[in-house]
Amino acid sequence: MKKYVGFLFIVLLLFIVSACSRPEDIKLTKTDVMITENKDLVGSTTTTIGKHKNQTIVPTALYYTFTVKNNSNKPIFRSQLNKVKMRIEPDQDLLSVVEDTIGSNIYNVNKSKIGWGQGVEEIAAKGTGEFTLHYKLGAKQKSDELPLVPPKEELQNIKDLALKATLIISKDGKEIARFKLDEN
């Protein structure tokens, strides 16, 4: 009996996990991009300066919001989304501007020393939800953690080209969806 229950549990678990595994199950319906210093969106860092004096640093970040439609009859649960990774693959124009302005490829999260973040939410069956990605660009205050943010004109150049990229969604290391951002 224990083997039977264990087998049913494994089958049920595989069925649940597969709810977000087919490209046709999710559709990118809208993409927004902004440059922000909103602490609620990008977080902050507290550093010590001098003796017993703390300074809170809020980074300036390139912030993407993706509105996603779940086309399946199954909800996409947060526990499944912990296995989902998103990344942006910039085209050559965007990459060149980012590297010239920031000094490195912010989209290469394994090598980026500045930082990034992603946010996901549960999406009901046939429902809509949001995923977010942000890449830190610097900070207005001088710190050891972040470089100084570039001038507004240079940030605007990055924002203007920010959709010249592809959003790649993978689950358990396997690509499940790819969306050209300048086509949405």
N, C-alpha and C. Protein backbone atom coordinates (compact mmCIF):
# COMPACT_ATOMS: atom_id res chain seq x y z
N MET A 1 0.82 -1.21 0.00
CA MET A 1 0.00 0.00 0.00
C MET A 1 0.86 1.26 0.00
N LYS A 2 1.97 1.23 0.78
CA LYS A 2 2.84 2.40 0.82
C LYS A 2 3.45 2.69 -0.54
N LYS A 3 3.81 1.63 -1.28
CA LYS A 3 4.38 1.82 -2.62
C LYS A 3 3.34 2.46 -3.54
N TYR A 4 2.09 2.04 -3.43
CA TYR A 4 1.02 2.57 -4.26
C TYR A 4 0.80 4.06 -3.96
N VAL A 5 0.76 4.43 -2.69
CA VAL A 5 0.58 5.83 -2.29
C VAL A 5 1.79 6.66 -2.74
N GLY A 6 2.98 6.12 -2.57
CA GLY A 6 4.20 6.81 -3.01
C GLY A 6 4.20 7.04 -4.51
N PHE A 7 3.78 6.03 -5.27
CA PHE A 7 3.71 6.15 -6.72
C PHE A 7 2.69 7.22 -7.13
N LEU A 8 1.53 7.22 -6.50
CA LEU A 8 0.51 8.24 -6.79
C LEU A 8 1.01 9.64 -6.46
N PHE A 9 1.74 9.76 -5.35
CA PHE A 9 2.29 11.06 -4.97
C PHE A 9 3.27 11.55 -6.02
N ILE A 10 4.14 10.68 -6.51
CA ILE A 10 5.12 11.07 -7.54
C ILE A 10 4.41 11.46 -8.83
N VAL A 11 3.41 10.70 -9.25
CA VAL A 11 2.66 11.03 -10.46
C VAL A 11 1.96 12.38 -10.31
N LEU A 12 1.33 12.61 -9.16
CA LEU A 12 0.65 13.88 -8.90
C LEU A 12 1.65 15.04 -8.91
N LEU A 13 2.79 14.84 -8.28
CA LEU A 13 3.81 15.88 -8.25
C LEU A 13 4.30 16.21 -9.66
N LEU A 14 4.56 15.20 -10.47
CA LEU A 14 4.99 15.44 -11.85
C LEU A 14 3.92 16.17 -12.64
N PHE A 15 2.65 15.83 -12.41
CA PHE A 15 1.55 16.51 -13.10
C PHE A 15 1.49 17.98 -12.71
N ILE A 16 1.63 18.29 -11.44
CA ILE A 16 1.59 19.67 -10.96
C ILE A 16 2.76 20.46 -11.51
N VAL A 17 3.95 19.88 -11.44
CA VAL A 17 5.16 20.59 -11.90
C VAL A 17 5.09 20.87 -13.39
N SER A 18 4.43 20.01 -14.15
CA SER A 18 4.37 20.20 -15.59
C SER A 18 3.40 21.32 -16.00
N ALA A 19 2.68 21.90 -15.08
CA ALA A 19 1.69 22.94 -15.41
C ALA A 19 2.32 24.15 -16.08
N CYS A 20 3.59 24.39 -15.85
CA CYS A 20 4.26 25.56 -16.44
C CYS A 20 5.37 25.13 -17.39
N SER A 21 5.28 23.95 -17.96
CA SER A 21 6.42 23.44 -18.71
C SER A 21 6.25 23.50 -20.22
N ARG A 22 5.11 23.89 -20.72
CA ARG A 22 4.94 23.97 -22.17
C ARG A 22 4.87 25.43 -22.58
N PRO A 23 5.58 25.80 -23.67
CA PRO A 23 5.59 27.19 -24.11
C PRO A 23 4.20 27.75 -24.38
N GLU A 24 3.29 26.90 -24.88
CA GLU A 24 1.96 27.40 -25.20
C GLU A 24 1.13 27.69 -23.95
N ASP A 25 1.59 27.24 -22.78
CA ASP A 25 0.86 27.48 -21.54
C ASP A 25 0.99 28.92 -21.05
N ILE A 26 2.03 29.60 -21.45
CA ILE A 26 2.19 30.99 -21.03
C ILE A 26 2.38 31.87 -22.26
N LYS A 27 1.81 33.05 -22.17
CA LYS A 27 1.92 34.00 -23.27
C LYS A 27 2.26 35.37 -22.67
N LEU A 28 3.26 36.00 -23.22
CA LEU A 28 3.63 37.34 -22.81
C LEU A 28 2.66 38.31 -23.49
N THR A 29 1.89 39.04 -22.69
CA THR A 29 0.89 39.94 -23.26
C THR A 29 1.32 41.41 -23.23
N LYS A 30 2.23 41.76 -22.32
CA LYS A 30 2.65 43.16 -22.22
C LYS A 30 4.00 43.23 -21.53
N THR A 31 4.82 44.18 -21.96
CA THR A 31 6.12 44.42 -21.34
C THR A 31 6.26 45.91 -21.08
N ASP A 32 6.63 46.25 -19.86
CA ASP A 32 6.92 47.64 -19.50
C ASP A 32 8.35 47.69 -18.99
N VAL A 33 8.99 48.81 -19.23
CA VAL A 33 10.36 49.00 -18.73
C VAL A 33 10.49 50.42 -18.21
N MET A 34 11.21 50.56 -17.10
CA MET A 34 11.45 51.89 -16.54
C MET A 34 12.78 51.89 -15.81
N ILE A 35 13.28 53.08 -15.58
CA ILE A 35 14.45 53.27 -14.73
C ILE A 35 13.89 53.83 -13.42
N THR A 36 14.22 53.16 -12.33
CA THR A 36 13.61 53.53 -11.06
C THR A 36 14.59 53.50 -9.90
N GLU A 37 14.24 54.27 -8.89
CA GLU A 37 14.94 54.26 -7.60
C GLU A 37 13.94 53.96 -6.49
N ASN A 38 12.87 53.29 -6.85
CA ASN A 38 11.82 52.96 -5.88
C ASN A 38 12.32 51.85 -4.96
N LYS A 39 12.51 52.18 -3.71
CA LYS A 39 13.02 51.24 -2.72
C LYS A 39 12.14 50.00 -2.60
N ASP A 40 10.83 50.17 -2.74
CA ASP A 40 9.91 49.04 -2.63
C ASP A 40 10.10 48.05 -3.79
N LEU A 41 10.58 48.53 -4.92
CA LEU A 41 10.78 47.66 -6.08
C LEU A 41 12.18 47.07 -6.15
N VAL A 42 13.20 47.85 -5.83
CA VAL A 42 14.58 47.41 -6.04
C VAL A 42 15.36 47.18 -4.76
N GLY A 43 14.77 47.46 -3.61
CA GLY A 43 15.44 47.23 -2.34
C GLY A 43 16.43 48.33 -1.99
N SER A 44 17.21 48.06 -0.97
CA SER A 44 18.22 49.03 -0.52
C SER A 44 19.31 48.29 0.23
N THR A 45 20.41 48.99 0.45
CA THR A 45 21.54 48.46 1.20
C THR A 45 21.90 49.47 2.27
N THR A 46 22.21 49.01 3.45
CA THR A 46 22.65 49.90 4.51
C THR A 46 24.13 49.64 4.76
N THR A 47 24.92 50.72 4.71
CA THR A 47 26.35 50.60 4.96
C THR A 47 26.73 51.51 6.12
N THR A 48 27.84 51.19 6.72
CA THR A 48 28.35 52.01 7.82
C THR A 48 29.39 52.97 7.27
N ILE A 49 29.21 54.24 7.59
CA ILE A 49 30.19 55.25 7.21
C ILE A 49 30.63 55.97 8.47
N GLY A 50 31.89 56.11 8.62
CA GLY A 50 32.38 56.76 9.85
C GLY A 50 32.09 55.89 11.06
N LYS A 51 32.11 56.52 12.21
CA LYS A 51 31.85 55.78 13.44
C LYS A 51 30.37 55.83 13.77
N HIS A 52 29.77 54.66 13.83
CA HIS A 52 28.38 54.50 14.26
C HIS A 52 27.38 55.29 13.40
N LYS A 53 27.69 55.47 12.14
CA LYS A 53 26.78 56.20 11.26
C LYS A 53 26.43 55.29 10.08
N ASN A 54 25.13 55.08 9.87
CA ASN A 54 24.67 54.23 8.78
C ASN A 54 24.13 55.07 7.64
N GLN A 55 24.29 54.56 6.44
CA GLN A 55 23.76 55.21 5.25
C GLN A 55 22.98 54.18 4.45
N THR A 56 21.74 54.52 4.08
CA THR A 56 20.92 53.64 3.26
C THR A 56 21.10 54.05 1.81
N ILE A 57 21.43 53.06 0.99
CA ILE A 57 21.66 53.31 -0.43
C ILE A 57 20.58 52.58 -1.22
N VAL A 58 19.84 53.34 -2.02
CA VAL A 58 18.82 52.78 -2.90
C VAL A 58 19.40 52.82 -4.31
N PRO A 59 19.52 51.65 -4.94
CA PRO A 59 20.10 51.64 -6.28
C PRO A 59 19.14 52.19 -7.33
N THR A 60 19.70 52.64 -8.42
CA THR A 60 18.94 52.95 -9.61
C THR A 60 18.97 51.69 -10.45
N ALA A 61 17.81 51.27 -10.95
CA ALA A 61 17.73 50.00 -11.67
C ALA A 61 16.91 50.12 -12.94
N LEU A 62 17.25 49.28 -13.89
CA LEU A 62 16.45 49.07 -15.08
C LEU A 62 15.44 48.00 -14.71
N TYR A 63 14.16 48.35 -14.73
CA TYR A 63 13.11 47.50 -14.15
C TYR A 63 12.13 47.08 -15.24
N TYR A 64 12.03 45.78 -15.48
CA TYR A 64 11.11 45.21 -16.46
C TYR A 64 9.91 44.61 -15.73
N THR A 65 8.71 44.85 -16.27
CA THR A 65 7.50 44.20 -15.79
C THR A 65 6.87 43.46 -16.97
N PHE A 66 6.65 42.15 -16.78
CA PHE A 66 6.08 41.32 -17.83
C PHE A 66 4.71 40.84 -17.38
N THR A 67 3.69 41.16 -18.16
CA THR A 67 2.35 40.65 -17.90
C THR A 67 2.22 39.35 -18.68
N VAL A 68 1.88 38.28 -17.96
CA VAL A 68 1.87 36.94 -18.53
C VAL A 68 0.49 36.34 -18.37
N LYS A 69 0.01 35.70 -19.42
CA LYS A 69 -1.28 35.00 -19.42
C LYS A 69 -1.01 33.51 -19.29
N ASN A 70 -1.66 32.88 -18.33
CA ASN A 70 -1.59 31.44 -18.14
C ASN A 70 -2.71 30.82 -18.97
N ASN A 71 -2.38 30.18 -20.07
CA ASN A 71 -3.38 29.59 -20.96
C ASN A 71 -3.82 28.19 -20.55
N SER A 72 -3.19 27.64 -19.54
CA SER A 72 -3.54 26.27 -19.14
C SER A 72 -4.75 26.28 -18.20
N ASN A 73 -5.28 25.11 -17.98
CA ASN A 73 -6.40 24.94 -17.06
C ASN A 73 -5.93 24.71 -15.63
N LYS A 74 -4.65 24.83 -15.40
CA LYS A 74 -4.06 24.61 -14.09
C LYS A 74 -3.41 25.91 -13.60
N PRO A 75 -3.57 26.22 -12.35
CA PRO A 75 -2.88 27.40 -11.81
C PRO A 75 -1.37 27.14 -11.76
N ILE A 76 -0.62 28.22 -11.83
CA ILE A 76 0.83 28.14 -11.67
C ILE A 76 1.11 28.60 -10.25
N PHE A 77 1.55 27.68 -9.41
CA PHE A 77 1.74 27.96 -8.00
C PHE A 77 3.13 28.52 -7.73
N ARG A 78 3.25 29.28 -6.65
CA ARG A 78 4.53 29.86 -6.26
C ARG A 78 5.61 28.78 -6.09
N SER A 79 5.24 27.62 -5.57
CA SER A 79 6.23 26.55 -5.39
C SER A 79 6.82 26.12 -6.73
N GLN A 80 6.04 26.17 -7.80
CA GLN A 80 6.56 25.87 -9.13
C GLN A 80 7.45 27.00 -9.61
N LEU A 81 7.07 28.22 -9.30
CA LEU A 81 7.80 29.38 -9.79
C LEU A 81 9.19 29.50 -9.16
N ASN A 82 9.40 28.87 -8.01
CA ASN A 82 10.74 28.88 -7.42
C ASN A 82 11.74 28.18 -8.32
N LYS A 83 11.27 27.32 -9.19
CA LYS A 83 12.13 26.59 -10.13
C LYS A 83 12.26 27.33 -11.45
N VAL A 84 11.51 28.41 -11.62
CA VAL A 84 11.51 29.17 -12.86
C VAL A 84 12.56 30.27 -12.78
N LYS A 85 13.35 30.38 -13.82
CA LYS A 85 14.36 31.44 -13.92
C LYS A 85 14.09 32.22 -15.20
N MET A 86 14.24 33.52 -15.09
CA MET A 86 14.09 34.38 -16.25
C MET A 86 15.42 35.06 -16.51
N ARG A 87 15.69 35.31 -17.77
CA ARG A 87 16.87 36.09 -18.11
C ARG A 87 16.58 36.84 -19.40
N ILE A 88 17.29 37.92 -19.55
CA ILE A 88 17.15 38.72 -20.76
C ILE A 88 18.43 38.59 -21.55
N GLU A 89 18.25 38.27 -22.81
CA GLU A 89 19.37 38.20 -23.75
C GLU A 89 19.30 39.45 -24.63
N PRO A 90 20.20 40.42 -24.40
CA PRO A 90 20.13 41.67 -25.16
C PRO A 90 20.63 41.49 -26.58
N ASP A 91 20.09 42.30 -27.51
CA ASP A 91 20.67 42.28 -28.84
C ASP A 91 21.96 43.10 -28.80
N GLN A 92 22.68 43.13 -29.89
CA GLN A 92 24.01 43.75 -29.89
C GLN A 92 23.94 45.26 -29.62
N ASP A 93 22.93 45.97 -30.13
CA ASP A 93 22.81 47.41 -29.89
C ASP A 93 22.63 47.71 -28.40
N LEU A 94 21.72 47.00 -27.77
CA LEU A 94 21.48 47.20 -26.34
C LEU A 94 22.72 46.83 -25.54
N LEU A 95 23.32 45.71 -25.85
CA LEU A 95 24.51 45.27 -25.12
C LEU A 95 25.63 46.29 -25.22
N SER A 96 25.85 46.84 -26.41
CA SER A 96 26.91 47.84 -26.60
C SER A 96 26.67 49.09 -25.75
N VAL A 97 25.42 49.58 -25.74
CA VAL A 97 25.10 50.77 -24.96
C VAL A 97 25.27 50.49 -23.47
N VAL A 98 24.82 49.34 -23.01
CA VAL A 98 24.94 48.98 -21.59
C VAL A 98 26.41 48.87 -21.20
N GLU A 99 27.19 48.18 -21.99
CA GLU A 99 28.61 48.02 -21.66
C GLU A 99 29.35 49.35 -21.69
N ASP A 100 29.03 50.20 -22.66
CA ASP A 100 29.68 51.52 -22.73
C ASP A 100 29.27 52.41 -21.56
N THR A 101 28.01 52.33 -21.14
CA THR A 101 27.50 53.20 -20.08
C THR A 101 27.83 52.69 -18.68
N ILE A 102 27.62 51.41 -18.44
CA ILE A 102 27.79 50.84 -17.11
C ILE A 102 29.20 50.27 -16.92
N GLY A 103 29.80 49.82 -18.00
CA GLY A 103 31.14 49.26 -17.91
C GLY A 103 31.16 47.75 -17.88
N SER A 104 29.97 47.12 -17.87
CA SER A 104 29.89 45.66 -17.89
C SER A 104 28.53 45.24 -18.42
N ASN A 105 28.39 43.95 -18.68
CA ASN A 105 27.13 43.39 -19.16
C ASN A 105 26.25 43.07 -17.95
N ILE A 106 25.31 43.93 -17.63
CA ILE A 106 24.42 43.72 -16.49
C ILE A 106 23.53 42.51 -16.67
N TYR A 107 23.31 42.09 -17.91
CA TYR A 107 22.42 40.96 -18.21
C TYR A 107 23.09 39.61 -17.93
N ASN A 108 24.40 39.58 -17.81
CA ASN A 108 25.10 38.35 -17.47
C ASN A 108 25.15 38.27 -15.94
N VAL A 109 24.12 37.70 -15.35
CA VAL A 109 23.96 37.74 -13.90
C VAL A 109 25.02 36.93 -13.17
N ASN A 110 25.65 35.98 -13.86
CA ASN A 110 26.70 35.20 -13.22
C ASN A 110 28.00 36.00 -13.06
N LYS A 111 28.19 37.01 -13.91
CA LYS A 111 29.41 37.80 -13.85
C LYS A 111 29.17 39.24 -13.38
N SER A 112 27.91 39.66 -13.34
CA SER A 112 27.60 41.03 -12.93
C SER A 112 27.91 41.22 -11.46
N LYS A 113 28.65 42.25 -11.17
CA LYS A 113 29.00 42.55 -9.78
C LYS A 113 28.05 43.58 -9.17
N ILE A 114 27.16 44.10 -9.99
CA ILE A 114 26.26 45.16 -9.53
C ILE A 114 25.01 44.58 -8.87
N GLY A 115 24.40 43.57 -9.46
CA GLY A 115 23.24 42.93 -8.85
C GLY A 115 22.00 42.99 -9.72
N TRP A 116 21.08 42.11 -9.40
CA TRP A 116 19.84 41.97 -10.15
C TRP A 116 18.80 41.30 -9.25
N GLY A 117 17.57 41.22 -9.72
CA GLY A 117 16.54 40.54 -8.96
C GLY A 117 15.39 40.14 -9.86
N GLN A 118 14.62 39.16 -9.41
CA GLN A 118 13.44 38.74 -10.16
C GLN A 118 12.29 38.54 -9.19
N GLY A 119 11.10 38.79 -9.67
CA GLY A 119 9.91 38.58 -8.86
C GLY A 119 8.87 37.83 -9.67
N VAL A 120 8.20 36.90 -9.03
CA VAL A 120 7.16 36.12 -9.70
C VAL A 120 5.93 36.07 -8.79
N GLU A 121 4.79 35.89 -9.39
CA GLU A 121 3.57 35.74 -8.59
C GLU A 121 2.78 34.56 -9.12
N GLU A 122 1.94 34.01 -8.27
CA GLU A 122 1.08 32.91 -8.69
C GLU A 122 0.10 33.41 -9.73
N ILE A 123 -0.24 32.51 -10.65
CA ILE A 123 -1.17 32.88 -11.71
C ILE A 123 -2.27 31.81 -11.77
N ALA A 124 -3.50 32.24 -11.63
CA ALA A 124 -4.64 31.32 -11.66
C ALA A 124 -4.79 30.69 -13.05
N ALA A 125 -5.48 29.57 -13.11
CA ALA A 125 -5.80 28.94 -14.40
C ALA A 125 -6.52 29.96 -15.27
N LYS A 126 -6.07 30.07 -16.50
CA LYS A 126 -6.63 31.03 -17.47
C LYS A 126 -6.53 32.47 -16.97
N GLY A 127 -5.66 32.71 -16.01
CA GLY A 127 -5.52 34.04 -15.42
C GLY A 127 -4.28 34.77 -15.93
N THR A 128 -4.10 35.96 -15.40
CA THR A 128 -2.99 36.82 -15.78
C THR A 128 -2.21 37.20 -14.53
N GLY A 129 -0.92 37.32 -14.67
CA GLY A 129 -0.07 37.72 -13.55
C GLY A 129 1.15 38.48 -14.06
N GLU A 130 2.02 38.83 -13.14
CA GLU A 130 3.21 39.60 -13.51
C GLU A 130 4.49 38.93 -13.02
N PHE A 131 5.50 39.02 -13.86
CA PHE A 131 6.87 38.66 -13.51
C PHE A 131 7.68 39.94 -13.63
N THR A 132 8.68 40.10 -12.80
CA THR A 132 9.54 41.28 -12.90
C THR A 132 11.01 40.86 -12.89
N LEU A 133 11.81 41.64 -13.55
CA LEU A 133 13.26 41.50 -13.54
C LEU A 133 13.83 42.89 -13.39
N HIS A 134 14.87 43.04 -12.57
CA HIS A 134 15.53 44.33 -12.53
C HIS A 134 17.04 44.15 -12.45
N TYR A 135 17.73 45.09 -13.05
CA TYR A 135 19.18 45.09 -13.11
C TYR A 135 19.67 46.41 -12.54
N LYS A 136 20.52 46.33 -11.53
CA LYS A 136 21.04 47.55 -10.91
C LYS A 136 22.02 48.23 -11.86
N LEU A 137 21.93 49.56 -11.90
CA LEU A 137 22.78 50.36 -12.77
C LEU A 137 23.77 51.22 -11.99
N GLY A 138 23.56 51.36 -10.70
CA GLY A 138 24.43 52.19 -9.87
C GLY A 138 23.60 52.86 -8.79
N ALA A 139 24.20 53.83 -8.13
CA ALA A 139 23.51 54.57 -7.08
C ALA A 139 23.96 56.02 -7.12
N LYS A 140 23.13 56.89 -6.58
CA LYS A 140 23.47 58.32 -6.54
C LYS A 140 24.53 58.61 -5.48
N GLN A 141 24.57 57.77 -4.40
CA GLN A 141 25.55 57.96 -3.35
C GLN A 141 26.76 57.07 -3.63
N LYS A 142 27.91 57.57 -3.28
CA LYS A 142 29.13 56.79 -3.44
C LYS A 142 29.13 55.67 -2.39
N SER A 143 29.48 54.44 -2.84
CA SER A 143 29.53 53.32 -1.91
C SER A 143 30.50 52.27 -2.44
N ASP A 144 30.83 51.32 -1.58
CA ASP A 144 31.69 50.22 -1.99
C ASP A 144 30.93 49.17 -2.81
N GLU A 145 29.61 49.09 -2.61
CA GLU A 145 28.81 48.07 -3.27
C GLU A 145 28.41 48.41 -4.70
N LEU A 146 28.13 49.68 -4.95
CA LEU A 146 27.62 50.08 -6.26
C LEU A 146 28.42 51.26 -6.82
N PRO A 147 28.60 51.27 -8.14
CA PRO A 147 29.23 52.44 -8.76
C PRO A 147 28.24 53.60 -8.79
N LEU A 148 28.75 54.77 -9.07
CA LEU A 148 27.86 55.91 -9.24
C LEU A 148 27.01 55.71 -10.49
N VAL A 149 25.77 56.10 -10.41
CA VAL A 149 24.86 55.94 -11.54
C VAL A 149 25.27 56.91 -12.66
N PRO A 150 25.16 56.47 -13.91
CA PRO A 150 25.47 57.36 -15.04
C PRO A 150 24.48 58.53 -15.12
N PRO A 151 24.82 59.56 -15.90
CA PRO A 151 23.89 60.69 -16.09
C PRO A 151 22.57 60.25 -16.71
N LYS A 152 21.53 61.06 -16.49
CA LYS A 152 20.18 60.75 -16.96
C LYS A 152 20.12 60.49 -18.47
N GLU A 153 20.88 61.25 -19.24
CA GLU A 153 20.86 61.08 -20.70
C GLU A 153 21.33 59.68 -21.08
N GLU A 154 22.36 59.20 -20.41
CA GLU A 154 22.87 57.87 -20.71
C GLU A 154 21.91 56.78 -20.23
N LEU A 155 21.25 57.02 -19.10
CA LEU A 155 20.24 56.08 -18.63
C LEU A 155 19.06 56.02 -19.62
N GLN A 156 18.71 57.17 -20.16
CA GLN A 156 17.61 57.22 -21.13
C GLN A 156 17.96 56.41 -22.38
N ASN A 157 19.24 56.44 -22.80
CA ASN A 157 19.67 55.64 -23.95
C ASN A 157 19.46 54.15 -23.68
N ILE A 158 19.78 53.72 -22.46
CA ILE A 158 19.56 52.31 -22.09
C ILE A 158 18.08 51.99 -22.13
N LYS A 159 17.27 52.86 -21.52
CA LYS A 159 15.82 52.62 -21.49
C LYS A 159 15.24 52.57 -22.90
N ASP A 160 15.70 53.46 -23.78
CA ASP A 160 15.18 53.51 -25.15
C ASP A 160 15.44 52.20 -25.90
N LEU A 161 16.53 51.51 -25.57
CA LEU A 161 16.89 50.28 -26.26
C LEU A 161 16.54 49.02 -25.46
N ALA A 162 15.99 49.18 -24.27
CA ALA A 162 15.79 48.07 -23.34
C ALA A 162 14.92 46.94 -23.88
N LEU A 163 14.06 47.23 -24.84
CA LEU A 163 13.20 46.18 -25.39
C LEU A 163 13.82 45.49 -26.61
N LYS A 164 15.03 45.88 -26.97
CA LYS A 164 15.74 45.19 -28.05
C LYS A 164 16.44 43.98 -27.44
N ALA A 165 15.63 43.02 -27.03
CA ALA A 165 16.15 41.87 -26.31
C ALA A 165 15.13 40.74 -26.36
N THR A 166 15.54 39.59 -25.85
CA THR A 166 14.68 38.42 -25.78
C THR A 166 14.57 37.98 -24.33
N LEU A 167 13.35 37.76 -23.87
CA LEU A 167 13.11 37.20 -22.54
C LEU A 167 13.11 35.68 -22.68
N ILE A 168 13.95 35.02 -21.89
CA ILE A 168 14.03 33.57 -21.91
C ILE A 168 13.60 33.06 -20.54
N ILE A 169 12.62 32.16 -20.55
CA ILE A 169 12.13 31.57 -19.31
C ILE A 169 12.52 30.09 -19.31
N SER A 170 13.14 29.68 -18.21
CA SER A 170 13.52 28.27 -18.09
C SER A 170 13.00 27.73 -16.77
N LYS A 171 12.85 26.43 -16.76
CA LYS A 171 12.39 25.75 -15.55
C LYS A 171 13.27 24.53 -15.36
N ASP A 172 13.82 24.40 -14.17
CA ASP A 172 14.74 23.30 -13.88
C ASP A 172 15.87 23.24 -14.90
N GLY A 173 16.34 24.41 -15.36
CA GLY A 173 17.45 24.47 -16.30
C GLY A 173 17.08 24.23 -17.75
N LYS A 174 15.80 23.99 -18.03
CA LYS A 174 15.34 23.72 -19.40
C LYS A 174 14.51 24.90 -19.90
N GLU A 175 14.85 25.42 -21.07
CA GLU A 175 14.12 26.54 -21.64
C GLU A 175 12.69 26.11 -21.96
N ILE A 176 11.72 26.92 -21.47
CA ILE A 176 10.31 26.60 -21.75
C ILE A 176 9.61 27.67 -22.58
N ALA A 177 10.20 28.87 -22.66
CA ALA A 177 9.58 29.93 -23.47
C ALA A 177 10.62 30.97 -23.83
N ARG A 178 10.38 31.62 -24.97
CA ARG A 178 11.28 32.67 -25.47
C ARG A 178 10.39 33.72 -26.13
N PHE A 179 10.58 34.99 -25.72
CA PHE A 179 9.76 36.08 -26.25
C PHE A 179 10.65 37.24 -26.69
N LYS A 180 10.49 37.67 -27.94
CA LYS A 180 11.17 38.88 -28.43
C LYS A 180 10.42 40.08 -27.83
N LEU A 181 11.12 40.88 -27.04
CA LEU A 181 10.44 41.96 -26.32
C LEU A 181 10.00 43.10 -27.23
N ASP A 182 10.71 43.35 -28.32
CA ASP A 182 10.31 44.45 -29.20
C ASP A 182 9.17 44.05 -30.13
N GLU A 183 8.68 42.83 -30.01
CA GLU A 183 7.52 42.39 -30.80
C GLU A 183 6.25 42.37 -29.97
N ASN A 184 6.35 42.65 -28.68
CA ASN A 184 5.16 42.62 -27.80
C ASN A 184 4.74 44.02 -27.44
